[in-house]
N, C-alpha and C. Protein backbone atom coordinates (compact mmCIF):
# COMPACT_ATOMS: atom_id res chain seq x y z
N UNK A 1 1.12 -1.12 -0.02
CA UNK A 1 0.28 -0.24 -0.29
C UNK A 1 0.90 1.25 0.39
N UNK A 2 2.04 0.93 0.65
CA UNK A 2 2.67 2.19 1.08
C UNK A 2 3.06 1.99 0.05
N UNK A 3 3.85 1.57 -1.16
CA UNK A 3 4.15 1.41 -2.79
C UNK A 3 3.58 2.30 -3.61
N UNK A 4 1.73 2.33 -3.18
CA UNK A 4 1.09 2.60 -3.79
C UNK A 4 1.15 4.41 -4.34
N UNK A 5 1.53 4.59 -2.44
CA UNK A 5 0.93 5.54 -2.38
C UNK A 5 2.22 6.64 -2.91
N UNK A 6 3.13 6.34 -2.16
CA UNK A 6 4.08 6.92 -2.97
C UNK A 6 4.26 6.75 -4.78
N UNK A 7 3.55 5.86 -5.60
CA UNK A 7 3.82 6.09 -6.63
C UNK A 7 2.40 7.45 -7.16
N UNK A 8 1.48 7.35 -6.84
CA UNK A 8 0.07 8.26 -6.72
C UNK A 8 1.28 9.49 -6.00
N UNK A 9 1.24 9.97 -5.19
CA UNK A 9 2.03 11.26 -4.82
C UNK A 9 2.98 10.96 -5.98
N UNK A 10 3.81 10.93 -6.38
CA UNK A 10 4.75 11.51 -7.52
C UNK A 10 4.56 11.03 -9.05
N UNK A 11 3.38 10.47 -8.36
CA UNK A 11 2.69 11.04 -10.63
C UNK A 11 1.79 12.31 -10.92
N UNK A 12 1.23 12.47 -8.81
CA UNK A 12 0.79 13.50 -8.82
C UNK A 12 1.71 14.68 -8.95
N UNK A 13 2.87 14.11 -8.26
CA UNK A 13 3.99 15.89 -8.55
C UNK A 13 4.25 16.65 -9.83
N UNK A 14 4.23 15.14 -10.48
CA UNK A 14 4.73 15.57 -12.00
C UNK A 14 3.07 15.74 -13.17
N UNK A 15 2.24 15.07 -13.11
CA UNK A 15 1.14 15.64 -13.63
C UNK A 15 -0.34 16.26 -13.03
N UNK A 16 -0.25 16.45 -11.95
CA UNK A 16 -1.38 16.62 -11.69
C UNK A 16 -2.20 18.28 -12.05
N UNK A 17 -1.22 18.95 -12.36
CA UNK A 17 -1.78 20.31 -13.34
C UNK A 17 -2.22 19.56 -14.91
N UNK A 18 -2.60 18.37 -14.95
CA UNK A 18 -2.98 18.14 -16.20
C UNK A 18 -4.35 17.96 -15.76
N UNK A 19 -4.17 17.51 -14.72
CA UNK A 19 -5.95 16.22 -14.50
C UNK A 19 -7.25 17.47 -13.65
N UNK A 20 -8.39 17.80 -14.35
CA UNK A 20 -9.55 18.16 -13.82
C UNK A 20 -9.27 18.94 -12.57
N UNK A 21 -9.77 19.82 -11.94
CA UNK A 21 -10.12 20.33 -10.67
C UNK A 21 -10.81 19.65 -9.33
N UNK A 22 -11.91 18.49 -10.37
CA UNK A 22 -12.09 18.19 -9.27
C UNK A 22 -11.64 16.38 -9.14
N UNK A 23 -10.74 16.24 -10.33
CA UNK A 23 -9.49 14.82 -9.72
C UNK A 23 -8.58 15.38 -9.15
N UNK A 24 -8.22 16.87 -9.44
CA UNK A 24 -6.94 17.04 -7.96
C UNK A 24 -7.79 17.26 -7.04
N UNK A 25 -8.68 17.82 -7.01
CA UNK A 25 -9.09 17.77 -5.36
C UNK A 25 -9.46 16.27 -4.81
N UNK A 26 -9.76 15.69 -5.35
CA UNK A 26 -9.88 13.96 -4.98
C UNK A 26 -8.96 13.45 -4.22
N UNK A 27 -7.84 13.79 -5.27
CA UNK A 27 -6.64 13.00 -4.71
C UNK A 27 -6.45 13.88 -3.66
N UNK A 28 -6.11 15.17 -3.42
CA UNK A 28 -5.47 15.79 -2.55
C UNK A 28 -6.06 15.72 -1.58
N UNK A 29 -7.66 15.21 -0.98
CA UNK A 29 -8.38 15.35 0.19
C UNK A 29 -8.22 13.75 0.31
N UNK A 30 -7.36 12.26 -0.35
CA UNK A 30 -7.86 11.30 -0.37
C UNK A 30 -6.03 10.74 -0.06
N UNK A 31 -5.38 11.44 -0.52
CA UNK A 31 -4.02 11.24 -0.80
C UNK A 31 -2.92 11.83 0.03
N UNK A 32 -3.28 13.26 -0.10
CA UNK A 32 -2.43 13.81 1.11
C UNK A 32 -2.82 14.28 2.38
N UNK A 33 -4.77 14.47 2.48
CA UNK A 33 -5.02 14.74 3.43
C UNK A 33 -5.69 13.70 5.00
N UNK A 34 -5.72 12.80 4.01
CA UNK A 34 -5.89 11.40 4.13
C UNK A 34 -7.66 10.80 4.81
N UNK A 35 -8.32 11.30 4.10
CA UNK A 35 -9.88 11.17 3.76
C UNK A 35 -10.62 10.08 3.28
N UNK A 36 -11.62 9.52 4.03
CA UNK A 36 -12.24 8.87 3.54
C UNK A 36 -12.87 8.41 1.75
N UNK A 37 -12.60 7.08 1.36
CA UNK A 37 -14.08 7.73 0.35
C UNK A 37 -15.26 8.90 1.01
N UNK A 38 -15.73 7.63 2.12
CA UNK A 38 -17.64 8.78 2.63
C UNK A 38 -16.91 9.94 2.92
N UNK A 39 -16.02 10.10 3.44
CA UNK A 39 -15.85 11.82 3.93
C UNK A 39 -15.64 12.90 2.84
N UNK A 40 -14.50 12.58 1.46
CA UNK A 40 -14.97 12.74 0.28
C UNK A 40 -16.13 13.03 -0.28
N UNK A 41 -17.30 11.61 -0.03
CA UNK A 41 -18.88 11.59 -0.77
C UNK A 41 -19.20 12.79 0.18
N UNK A 42 -19.54 13.00 0.94
CA UNK A 42 -20.50 13.49 2.00
C UNK A 42 -19.69 15.29 1.89
N UNK A 43 -18.72 15.72 1.83
CA UNK A 43 -18.06 17.10 1.28
C UNK A 43 -18.52 17.42 0.47
N UNK A 44 -18.94 16.16 -1.00
CA UNK A 44 -18.94 16.54 -2.38
C UNK A 44 -20.00 17.02 -2.82
N UNK A 45 -21.09 15.89 -1.58
CA UNK A 45 -22.21 15.51 -1.98
C UNK A 45 -22.92 14.63 -3.32
N UNK A 46 -21.67 13.64 -3.19
CA UNK A 46 -21.92 12.73 -3.64
C UNK A 46 -21.58 11.40 -3.19
N UNK A 47 -22.24 9.53 -4.21
CA UNK A 47 -21.47 8.83 -3.40
C UNK A 47 -20.44 8.21 -3.10
N UNK A 48 -20.17 7.62 -2.37
CA UNK A 48 -18.89 6.89 -2.16
C UNK A 48 -18.15 6.21 -3.63
N UNK A 49 -19.06 5.07 -4.28
CA UNK A 49 -19.02 4.90 -5.72
C UNK A 49 -18.36 5.66 -6.48
N UNK A 50 -18.99 6.85 -6.38
CA UNK A 50 -18.57 7.80 -7.75
C UNK A 50 -17.11 8.30 -6.61
N UNK A 51 -16.38 8.61 -6.13
CA UNK A 51 -15.62 8.93 -5.59
C UNK A 51 -14.22 7.91 -5.97
N UNK A 52 -14.50 6.90 -5.57
CA UNK A 52 -13.72 5.38 -6.29
C UNK A 52 -13.75 5.96 -7.58
N UNK A 53 -15.01 5.98 -8.29
CA UNK A 53 -14.34 5.57 -9.47
C UNK A 53 -13.70 6.66 -9.93
N UNK A 54 -14.39 7.92 -9.52
CA UNK A 54 -13.61 9.29 -10.18
C UNK A 54 -11.82 8.83 -9.31
N UNK A 55 -11.26 8.91 -8.50
CA UNK A 55 -10.27 8.54 -7.70
C UNK A 55 -9.31 7.21 -8.68
N UNK A 56 -9.77 6.70 -9.60
CA UNK A 56 -9.00 5.27 -10.56
C UNK A 56 -9.21 5.92 -11.64
N UNK A 57 -10.49 6.51 -12.22
CA UNK A 57 -9.97 7.41 -13.54
C UNK A 57 -9.04 8.73 -13.21
N UNK A 58 -8.63 9.36 -12.21
CA UNK A 58 -7.77 9.79 -12.12
C UNK A 58 -6.39 9.54 -11.95
N UNK A 59 -6.31 7.56 -11.23
CA UNK A 59 -5.59 7.63 -11.26
C UNK A 59 -4.81 6.65 -12.58
N UNK A 60 -5.23 6.21 -13.47
CA UNK A 60 -5.91 5.84 -14.85
C UNK A 60 -4.44 6.94 -15.70
N UNK A 61 -5.17 7.93 -15.38
CA UNK A 61 -5.17 9.47 -16.62
C UNK A 61 -3.69 9.50 -15.97
N UNK A 62 -2.97 9.84 -14.85
CA UNK A 62 -1.89 10.51 -13.97
C UNK A 62 -1.11 8.55 -14.70
N UNK A 63 -1.23 7.57 -15.03
CA UNK A 63 -0.51 6.13 -15.12
C UNK A 63 -0.78 6.43 -16.69
N UNK A 64 -1.55 7.28 -17.87
CA UNK A 64 -1.57 7.17 -18.72
C UNK A 64 -0.18 8.50 -19.57
N UNK A 65 0.31 9.35 -18.42
CA UNK A 65 0.92 10.31 -18.59
C UNK A 65 2.17 9.86 -18.74
N UNK A 66 2.38 9.21 -17.98
CA UNK A 66 3.70 8.92 -17.36
C UNK A 66 3.87 7.51 -18.53
N UNK A 67 3.17 6.84 -19.19
CA UNK A 67 3.80 5.83 -20.08
C UNK A 67 4.08 6.74 -21.32
N UNK A 68 2.98 7.96 -21.52
CA UNK A 68 3.36 8.90 -22.50
C UNK A 68 5.16 9.51 -22.80
N UNK A 69 5.04 10.56 -21.41
CA UNK A 69 5.66 11.38 -21.28
C UNK A 69 6.98 10.67 -21.05
N UNK A 70 6.65 9.44 -19.56
CA UNK A 70 8.72 9.22 -18.60
C UNK A 70 8.77 10.60 -17.43
N UNK A 71 8.27 11.00 -17.19
CA UNK A 71 9.35 12.38 -16.64
C UNK A 71 9.14 11.17 -15.31
N UNK A 72 8.24 10.76 -14.63
CA UNK A 72 9.22 10.15 -13.40
C UNK A 72 10.16 8.96 -14.13
N UNK A 73 9.62 7.94 -14.42
CA UNK A 73 10.39 6.98 -15.00
C UNK A 73 12.58 7.97 -14.48
N UNK A 74 12.26 9.31 -15.65
CA UNK A 74 13.69 9.92 -15.99
C UNK A 74 14.21 9.92 -14.94
N UNK A 75 13.45 11.10 -14.20
CA UNK A 75 13.83 11.31 -12.71
C UNK A 75 14.40 10.06 -12.06
N UNK A 76 13.87 9.10 -11.64
CA UNK A 76 14.32 7.96 -10.38
C UNK A 76 15.74 8.44 -11.39
N UNK A 77 16.07 7.50 -13.55
CA UNK A 77 17.15 7.35 -13.10
C UNK A 77 18.10 8.52 -12.54
N UNK A 78 17.70 9.38 -13.08
CA UNK A 78 18.81 10.44 -13.05
C UNK A 78 18.96 10.70 -11.52
N UNK A 79 18.13 10.19 -10.76
CA UNK A 79 18.63 10.67 -8.73
C UNK A 79 19.63 9.16 -8.90
N UNK A 80 19.18 8.08 -9.50
CA UNK A 80 20.35 7.33 -9.28
C UNK A 80 21.68 7.33 -9.32
N UNK A 81 21.31 8.47 -11.05
CA UNK A 81 22.58 8.50 -11.46
C UNK A 81 23.49 9.43 -10.69
N UNK A 82 23.24 10.84 -10.23
CA UNK A 82 23.76 11.48 -9.37
C UNK A 82 24.16 11.10 -7.96
N UNK A 83 23.36 10.02 -7.61
CA UNK A 83 23.83 9.36 -6.57
C UNK A 83 25.17 8.39 -6.42
N UNK A 84 25.06 8.11 -7.80
CA UNK A 84 26.18 7.24 -8.15
C UNK A 84 27.66 8.29 -8.48
N UNK A 85 26.77 8.98 -8.80
CA UNK A 85 27.91 10.34 -9.28
C UNK A 85 28.29 11.22 -7.66
N UNK A 86 27.92 10.83 -6.86
CA UNK A 86 27.93 11.39 -6.26
C UNK A 86 28.98 10.53 -5.15
N UNK A 87 28.72 8.96 -5.14
CA UNK A 87 29.32 8.48 -4.32
C UNK A 87 30.97 8.23 -5.33
N UNK A 88 31.09 8.37 -6.18
CA UNK A 88 32.15 8.13 -7.09
C UNK A 88 33.26 9.19 -6.49
N UNK A 89 32.82 10.99 -6.16
CA UNK A 89 33.68 12.19 -5.89
C UNK A 89 33.85 11.81 -4.46
N UNK A 90 32.37 10.89 -3.84
CA UNK A 90 33.52 10.73 -2.08
C UNK A 90 34.51 9.93 -1.67
N UNK A 91 33.97 8.48 -2.57
CA UNK A 91 35.31 8.39 -2.65
C UNK A 91 37.32 8.71 -3.37
N UNK A 92 36.97 9.57 -3.94
CA UNK A 92 37.42 10.21 -4.70
C UNK A 92 38.16 10.80 -3.75
N UNK A 93 37.74 11.47 -3.06
CA UNK A 93 38.29 12.57 -1.61
C UNK A 93 38.63 11.97 -0.28
N UNK A 94 38.15 10.94 -0.21
CA UNK A 94 38.83 9.55 0.80
C UNK A 94 39.55 8.64 0.43
N UNK A 95 39.33 8.53 -0.98
CA UNK A 95 41.06 7.42 -1.01
C UNK A 95 41.27 8.09 -2.39
N UNK A 96 41.27 8.92 -2.84
CA UNK A 96 42.24 9.95 -3.95
C UNK A 96 41.95 8.38 -5.26
N UNK A 97 41.14 7.57 -5.34
CA UNK A 97 41.13 7.50 -6.17
C UNK A 97 40.30 7.92 -7.65
N UNK A 98 41.61 8.99 -8.52
CA UNK A 98 41.49 9.04 -9.80
C UNK A 98 40.17 8.74 -10.72
N UNK A 99 40.00 7.28 -11.22
CA UNK A 99 39.66 7.43 -12.02
C UNK A 99 37.81 7.24 -11.48
N UNK A 100 37.86 6.67 -10.33
CA UNK A 100 36.54 7.20 -9.64
C UNK A 100 36.23 8.86 -10.65
N UNK A 101 37.16 9.44 -9.72
CA UNK A 101 36.55 11.44 -10.07
C UNK A 101 36.20 11.06 -12.18
N UNK A 102 36.42 10.79 -12.34
CA UNK A 102 36.28 9.89 -13.87
C UNK A 102 35.22 9.74 -14.38
N UNK A 103 34.46 8.79 -13.51
CA UNK A 103 33.38 7.88 -14.19
C UNK A 103 32.17 8.90 -12.94
N UNK A 104 32.57 9.67 -12.61
CA UNK A 104 31.17 10.52 -11.86
C UNK A 104 31.02 11.52 -12.87
N UNK A 105 32.72 12.16 -12.97
CA UNK A 105 32.63 12.91 -14.93
C UNK A 105 31.19 12.10 -15.91
N UNK A 106 31.61 11.12 -16.31
CA UNK A 106 31.05 10.54 -17.73
C UNK A 106 29.53 10.72 -16.98
N UNK A 107 29.59 9.99 -15.70
CA UNK A 107 27.70 10.16 -15.66
C UNK A 107 27.06 11.62 -15.30
N UNK A 108 27.56 12.47 -15.14
CA UNK A 108 27.15 13.82 -15.12
C UNK A 108 27.11 14.20 -16.91
N UNK A 109 27.79 14.45 -16.99
CA UNK A 109 27.81 14.09 -18.66
C UNK A 109 26.62 13.15 -19.43
N UNK A 110 26.23 12.57 -19.29
CA UNK A 110 25.18 11.59 -19.60
C UNK A 110 24.13 11.85 -19.12
N UNK A 111 23.73 12.78 -18.14
CA UNK A 111 22.83 12.98 -17.09
C UNK A 111 22.66 14.45 -17.84
N UNK A 112 23.67 15.78 -18.44
CA UNK A 112 23.38 16.87 -18.63
C UNK A 112 23.33 16.48 -19.83
N UNK A 113 23.63 15.18 -20.72
CA UNK A 113 23.42 14.93 -22.74
C UNK A 113 24.39 15.94 -23.07
N UNK A 114 25.79 16.26 -22.61
CA UNK A 114 26.58 16.51 -23.14
C UNK A 114 27.82 15.74 -23.61
N UNK A 115 28.00 15.72 -25.13
CA UNK A 115 28.95 15.48 -25.67
C UNK A 115 30.43 14.69 -25.27
N UNK A 116 30.69 13.20 -25.62
CA UNK A 116 31.37 12.98 -24.69
C UNK A 116 33.23 14.07 -25.04
N UNK A 117 33.69 14.28 -24.12
CA UNK A 117 35.48 14.93 -24.13
C UNK A 117 34.55 16.70 -24.20
N UNK A 118 33.50 16.48 -24.21
CA UNK A 118 32.69 18.24 -24.01
C UNK A 118 33.47 19.22 -23.01
N UNK A 119 34.53 18.06 -22.26
CA UNK A 119 34.88 18.82 -20.51
C UNK A 119 35.61 18.27 -20.63
N UNK A 120 36.77 19.06 -20.66
CA UNK A 120 38.15 18.85 -20.93
C UNK A 120 38.97 17.60 -19.86
N UNK A 121 39.21 16.17 -19.95
CA UNK A 121 39.97 15.82 -18.84
C UNK A 121 40.68 14.54 -19.15
N UNK A 122 41.57 15.71 -19.01
CA UNK A 122 43.36 14.51 -19.07
C UNK A 122 43.60 13.70 -18.21
N UNK A 123 44.55 12.67 -19.03
CA UNK A 123 44.82 11.56 -18.07
C UNK A 123 43.97 10.51 -17.98
N UNK A 124 42.36 10.22 -18.02
CA UNK A 124 42.04 9.60 -17.76
C UNK A 124 42.56 8.20 -18.19
N UNK A 125 42.34 7.82 -17.20
CA UNK A 125 42.70 6.36 -17.36
C UNK A 125 41.99 5.07 -18.46
N UNK A 126 42.33 4.25 -19.46
CA UNK A 126 41.70 3.38 -19.85
C UNK A 126 40.60 2.49 -19.46
N UNK A 127 40.81 2.53 -17.82
CA UNK A 127 39.98 1.71 -16.29
C UNK A 127 38.46 2.39 -16.78
N UNK A 128 39.02 3.85 -16.50
CA UNK A 128 38.19 4.79 -15.98
C UNK A 128 37.36 4.95 -17.87
N UNK A 129 37.76 5.07 -18.40
CA UNK A 129 36.78 4.97 -19.99
C UNK A 129 36.05 3.99 -20.17
N UNK A 130 36.31 2.86 -19.77
CA UNK A 130 36.26 1.18 -19.81
C UNK A 130 34.41 1.44 -18.95
N UNK A 131 34.69 1.49 -17.76
CA UNK A 131 34.26 2.29 -17.44
C UNK A 131 32.70 2.97 -17.39
N UNK A 132 33.16 3.98 -18.02
CA UNK A 132 31.94 4.95 -18.34
C UNK A 132 30.90 4.40 -19.61
N UNK A 133 31.71 3.32 -20.15
CA UNK A 133 30.83 2.37 -21.06
C UNK A 133 30.10 1.38 -20.94
N UNK A 134 30.66 1.09 -19.56
CA UNK A 134 29.64 -0.42 -19.24
C UNK A 134 29.29 -0.07 -17.34
N UNK A 135 29.14 0.91 -16.84
CA UNK A 135 28.13 1.46 -16.03
C UNK A 135 28.21 3.18 -16.77
N UNK A 136 26.99 3.15 -17.35
CA UNK A 136 26.34 4.28 -17.47
C UNK A 136 25.19 5.25 -16.59
């Protein structure tokens, strides 16, 4: 259930403005303010079933936006790569492993979609170059 809640929250953060005002309100009441279906139904003057159907349609719309646009997946991928780059830099700072610094640079170049070699990187070892190609 927590995974579903987190997924809906993330989808809503990216695509909420694309929903109708009614869909946004119901999702906010249910997921952000923890209103039950009955509480939402009383507040807006409709049946619990209508609220349930509306929430399902709203979530389906969010999922369809993600399937078409992929912003949530792109964000998750970027966060993972940034974390790896941060770890490489931390390793470089603690152990002085220059290859890790080059790996971090390669990841950051990929994230920024810069052409390889656009940032001067002198003295890169063959191992670091291979690491960049095998661990994007």
